[in-house]
C-alpha atoms as a PDB file:
ATOM      1  CA  MET A   1      22.682 -20.197 -42.911  1.00  0.00           C
ATOM      2  CA  ALA A   2      20.830 -18.524 -40.025  1.00  0.00           C
ATOM      3  CA  ILE A   3      21.642 -19.300 -36.409  1.00  0.00           C
ATOM      4  CA  PHE A   4      18.581 -20.150 -34.354  1.00  0.00           C
ATOM      5  CA  LYS A   5      18.206 -19.957 -30.605  1.00  0.00           C
ATOM      6  CA  ARG A   6      15.578 -21.497 -28.350  1.00  0.00           C
ATOM      7  CA  CYS A   7      13.481 -19.148 -26.199  1.00  0.00           C
ATOM      8  CA  ASN A   8      13.646 -19.874 -22.448  1.00  0.00           C
ATOM      9  CA  ARG A   9       9.995 -18.906 -21.986  1.00  0.00           C
ATOM     10  CA  CYS A  10       8.050 -20.453 -24.881  1.00  0.00           C
ATOM     11  CA  HIS A  11      10.746 -22.878 -26.144  1.00  0.00           C
ATOM     12  CA  GLU A  12      10.216 -21.768 -29.760  1.00  0.00           C
ATOM     13  CA  LEU A  13      13.133 -21.309 -32.137  1.00  0.00           C
ATOM     14  CA  TYR A  14      13.991 -17.756 -33.152  1.00  0.00           C
ATOM     15  CA  GLU A  15      16.763 -15.842 -34.826  1.00  0.00           C
ATOM     16  CA  GLY A  16      18.107 -12.507 -33.763  1.00  0.00           C
ATOM     17  CA  GLU A  17      18.525 -11.051 -30.288  1.00  0.00           C
ATOM     18  CA  ARG A  18      15.204 -12.010 -28.689  1.00  0.00           C
ATOM     19  CA  CYS A  19      12.056 -14.015 -29.252  1.00  0.00           C
ATOM     20  CA  GLN A  20       9.586 -11.567 -30.778  1.00  0.00           C
ATOM     21  CA  LYS A  21       6.564 -13.534 -29.538  1.00  0.00           C
ATOM     22  CA  CYS A  22       7.622 -13.389 -25.861  1.00  0.00           C
ATOM     23  CA  HIS A  23       9.138  -9.921 -26.063  1.00  0.00           C
ATOM     24  CA  THR A  24       5.832  -8.479 -27.265  1.00  0.00           C
ATOM     25  CA  LYS A  25       3.894 -10.169 -24.449  1.00  0.00           C
ATOM     26  CA  ILE A  26       6.383  -9.000 -21.814  1.00  0.00           C
ATOM     27  CA  SER A  27       6.518  -5.412 -23.057  1.00  0.00           C
ATOM     28  CA  VAL A  28       2.706  -5.095 -23.158  1.00  0.00           C
ATOM     29  CA  ALA A  29       2.409  -6.441 -19.588  1.00  0.00           C
ATOM     30  CA  TYR A  30       5.218  -4.107 -18.467  1.00  0.00           C
ATOM     31  CA  GLN A  31       3.519  -1.099 -20.043  1.00  0.00           C
ATOM     32  CA  ARG A  32       0.203  -1.926 -18.352  1.00  0.00           C
ATOM     33  CA  ARG A  33       1.903  -2.302 -14.961  1.00  0.00           C
ATOM     34  CA  LYS A  34       3.796   0.975 -15.370  1.00  0.00           C
ATOM     35  CA  LEU A  35       0.624   2.811 -16.394  1.00  0.00           C
ATOM     36  CA  LYS A  36      -1.166   1.571 -13.267  1.00  0.00           C
ATOM     37  CA  GLU A  37       1.800   2.589 -11.069  1.00  0.00           C
ATOM     38  CA  ASN A  38       1.857   6.064 -12.653  1.00  0.00           C
ATOM     39  CA  GLU A  39      -1.855   6.522 -12.003  1.00  0.00           C
ATOM     40  CA  ASN A  40      -1.334   5.645  -8.335  1.00  0.00           C
ATOM     41  CA  LEU A  41       1.677   7.965  -8.063  1.00  0.00           C
ATOM     42  CA  LYS A  42      -0.407  10.799  -9.473  1.00  0.00           C
ATOM     43  CA  ARG A  43      -3.028  10.178  -6.777  1.00  0.00           C
ATOM     44  CA  TYR A  44      -0.433  10.277  -3.997  1.00  0.00           C
ATOM     45  CA  HIS A  45       1.069  13.522  -5.275  1.00  0.00           C
ATOM     46  CA  SER A  46      -2.241  15.351  -5.614  1.00  0.00           C
ATOM     47  CA  ARG A  47      -3.172  18.257  -3.363  1.00  0.00           C
ATOM     48  CA  VAL A  48      -6.345  16.461  -2.328  1.00  0.00           C
ATOM     49  CA  TRP A  49      -4.304  13.516  -1.016  1.00  0.00           C
ATOM     50  CA  GLN A  50      -1.835  15.814   0.765  1.00  0.00           C
ATOM     51  CA  ARG A  51      -4.697  17.601   2.534  1.00  0.00           C
ATOM     52  CA  CYS A  52      -6.376  14.301   3.425  1.00  0.00           C
ATOM     53  CA  ARG A  53      -3.071  12.937   4.736  1.00  0.00           C
ATOM     54  CA  GLN A  54      -2.544  15.989   6.924  1.00  0.00           C
ATOM     55  CA  GLU A  55      -6.115  15.763   8.198  1.00  0.00           C
ATOM     56  CA  VAL A  56      -5.508  12.145   9.296  1.00  0.00           C
ATOM     57  CA  ILE A  57      -2.271  13.096  11.057  1.00  0.00           C
ATOM     58  CA  ASN A  58      -4.059  15.954  12.837  1.00  0.00           C
ATOM     59  CA  LYS A  59      -7.043  13.763  13.741  1.00  0.00           C
ATOM     60  CA  TYR A  60      -4.796  11.292  15.561  1.00  0.00           C
ATOM     61  CA  LEU A  61      -2.318  13.963  16.768  1.00  0.00           C
ATOM     62  CA  GLY A  62       0.470  12.161  14.897  1.00  0.00           C
ATOM     63  CA  TYR A  63       0.366   9.023  17.078  1.00  0.00           C
ATOM     64  CA  ASP A  64       0.928   5.497  15.750  1.00  0.00           C
ATOM     65  CA  ILE A  65      -2.492   3.810  16.002  1.00  0.00           C
ATOM     66  CA  TRP A  66      -1.089   0.318  15.308  1.00  0.00           C
ATOM     67  CA  LEU A  67       1.204   0.484  18.356  1.00  0.00           C
ATOM     68  CA  MET A  68      -1.550   2.052  20.418  1.00  0.00           C
ATOM     69  CA  GLY A  69      -3.511  -1.150  19.808  1.00  0.00           C
ATOM     70  CA  VAL A  70      -1.075  -2.934  22.151  1.00  0.00           C
ATOM     71  CA  GLY A  71      -0.728  -0.048  24.626  1.00  0.00           C
ATOM     72  CA  ILE A  72       2.416   1.650  23.258  1.00  0.00           C
ATOM     73  CA  VAL A  73       2.098   5.414  22.807  1.00  0.00           C
ATOM     74  CA  ARG A  74       4.523   6.650  20.169  1.00  0.00           C
ATOM     75  CA  ALA A  75       4.499   9.625  17.821  1.00  0.00           C
ATOM     76  CA  CYS A  76       4.982   9.069  14.087  1.00  0.00           C
ATOM     77  CA  LYS A  77       8.037  10.879  12.807  1.00  0.00           C
ATOM     78  CA  PRO A  78       7.712  10.628   9.817  1.00  0.00           C
ATOM     79  CA  ALA A  79       4.120   9.486   9.531  1.00  0.00           C
ATOM     80  CA  TYR A  80       3.034   6.904   6.987  1.00  0.00           C
ATOM     81  CA  ILE A  81      -0.662   6.717   6.192  1.00  0.00           C
ATOM     82  CA  HIS A  82      -2.154   3.219   6.053  1.00  0.00           C
ATOM     83  CA  HIS A  83      -5.386   2.343   4.217  1.00  0.00           C
ATOM     84  CA  ILE A  84      -7.306  -0.100   6.437  1.00  0.00           C
ATOM     85  CA  VAL A  85      -9.262  -1.318   3.417  1.00  0.00           C
ATOM     86  CA  GLU A  86      -6.575  -1.500   0.744  1.00  0.00           C
ATOM     87  CA  ARG A  87      -6.494   1.046  -2.060  1.00  0.00           C
ATOM     88  CA  ASP A  88      -6.793  -1.650  -4.739  1.00  0.00           C
ATOM     89  CA  GLU A  89      -9.652  -3.438  -2.930  1.00  0.00           C
ATOM     90  CA  ASN A  90     -11.936  -0.419  -2.781  1.00  0.00           C
ATOM     91  CA  PRO A  91     -10.709   2.717  -4.607  1.00  0.00           C
ATOM     92  CA  ASP A  92     -13.749   4.663  -3.359  1.00  0.00           C
ATOM     93  CA  LEU A  93     -12.252   4.667   0.158  1.00  0.00           C
ATOM     94  CA  PHE A  94      -8.935   6.159  -1.004  1.00  0.00           C
ATOM     95  CA  LEU A  95      -9.663   9.560   0.566  1.00  0.00           C
ATOM     96  CA  ASP A  96     -11.984   8.392   3.369  1.00  0.00           C
ATOM     97  CA  VAL A  97     -10.489   9.705   6.625  1.00  0.00           C
ATOM     98  CA  ASP A  98     -12.159   6.903   8.601  1.00  0.00           C
ATOM     99  CA  ASN A  99     -10.265   4.352   6.469  1.00  0.00           C
ATOM    100  CA  LEU A 100      -6.845   5.927   7.144  1.00  0.00           C
ATOM    101  CA  ILE A 101      -4.512   5.802  10.141  1.00  0.00           C
ATOM    102  CA  PRO A 102      -1.040   7.240  10.785  1.00  0.00           C
ATOM    103  CA  VAL A 103       1.731   4.720  11.504  1.00  0.00           C
ATOM    104  CA  ILE A 104       5.524   4.560  11.486  1.00  0.00           C
ATOM    105  CA  HIS A 105       7.316   2.659   8.721  1.00  0.00           C
ATOM    106  CA  ALA A 106       7.961  -0.461  10.830  1.00  0.00           C
ATOM    107  CA  SER A 107       4.303  -0.630  11.833  1.00  0.00           C
ATOM    108  CA  HIS A 108       3.204  -0.251   8.223  1.00  0.00           C
ATOM    109  CA  GLU A 109       5.446  -3.153   7.192  1.00  0.00           C
ATOM    110  CA  GLU A 110       4.096  -5.287  10.057  1.00  0.00           C
ATOM    111  CA  ILE A 111       0.480  -4.541   9.127  1.00  0.00           C
ATOM    112  CA  HIS A 112       1.084  -5.687   5.556  1.00  0.00           C
ATOM    113  CA  LYS A 113       2.802  -8.851   6.789  1.00  0.00           C
ATOM    114  CA  TRP A 114      -0.308  -9.616   8.843  1.00  0.00           C
ATOM    115  CA  TYR A 115      -2.540  -8.855   5.833  1.00  0.00           C
ATOM    116  CA  ASP A 116      -0.471 -11.106   3.535  1.00  0.00           C
ATOM    117  CA  GLY A 117      -0.142 -13.816   6.189  1.00  0.00           C
ATOM    118  CA  GLY A 118      -3.882 -14.378   6.524  1.00  0.00           C
ATOM    119  CA  LYS A 119      -4.280 -12.385   9.728  1.00  0.00           C
ATOM    120  CA  ARG A 120      -6.308  -9.559   8.184  1.00  0.00           C
ATOM    121  CA  ALA A 121      -9.159  -9.851  10.711  1.00  0.00           C
ATOM    122  CA  GLU A 122      -6.721  -9.759  13.647  1.00  0.00           C
ATOM    123  CA  ALA A 123      -4.918  -6.757  12.161  1.00  0.00           C
ATOM    124  CA  ILE A 124      -8.163  -4.830  11.689  1.00  0.00           C
ATOM    125  CA  ALA A 125      -9.214  -5.712  15.246  1.00  0.00           C
ATOM    126  CA  ARG A 126      -5.885  -4.348  16.546  1.00  0.00           C
ATOM    127  CA  ILE A 127      -6.342  -1.165  14.533  1.00  0.00           C
ATOM    128  CA  GLU A 128      -9.845  -0.720  15.975  1.00  0.00           C
ATOM    129  CA  LYS A 129      -8.458  -1.313  19.465  1.00  0.00           C
ATOM    130  CA  GLY A 130      -5.819   1.345  18.777  1.00  0.00           C
ATOM    131  CA  LYS A 131      -8.496   3.811  17.675  1.00  0.00           C
ATOM    132  CA  GLU A 132     -10.485   3.105  20.865  1.00  0.00           C
ATOM    133  CA  GLU A 133      -7.364   3.526  23.009  1.00  0.00           C
ATOM    134  CA  PHE A 134      -6.591   6.839  21.284  1.00  0.00           C
ATOM    135  CA  THR A 135     -10.159   8.040  21.924  1.00  0.00           C
ATOM    136  CA  ARG A 136      -9.983   6.946  25.561  1.00  0.00           C
ATOM    137  CA  ARG A 137      -6.652   8.690  26.212  1.00  0.00           C
ATOM    138  CA  PHE A 138      -6.951  11.907  24.251  1.00  0.00           C
ATOM    139  CA  HIS A 139     -10.604  12.887  23.862  1.00  0.00           C
ATOM    140  CA  ASP A 140     -12.424  14.769  26.570  1.00  0.00           C
ATOM    141  CA  SER A 141     -15.734  13.188  27.498  1.00  0.00           C
END
């Protein structure tokens, strides 16, 4: 006589180690997610991205634009590059230098908290203010 177990996900009876119905669904979703992550990793390790990243750091002289939006002048060591319009929202802007800013890790985390917390417009306004402050301080008129 076979021993049946009840699946925690679909509540169907099954025998063996795992519910084949749910396991198939989960593994397909996992494979799709991993494929998407690998595609993004390939983009971030490309020479084109590395050159674009360096161009953004040079454009802003390595300063944190997010902090500059509130009047704090701080260099990014190491620099993280933030996409103002998210990579997944508009992939065409992935390498657009005007869509990228250098920030430190803490600033990058704070920006994403603002984005996720419904303060996207305020965050973008602060980034624009930081860009204006950078231009005012460091560009000769």
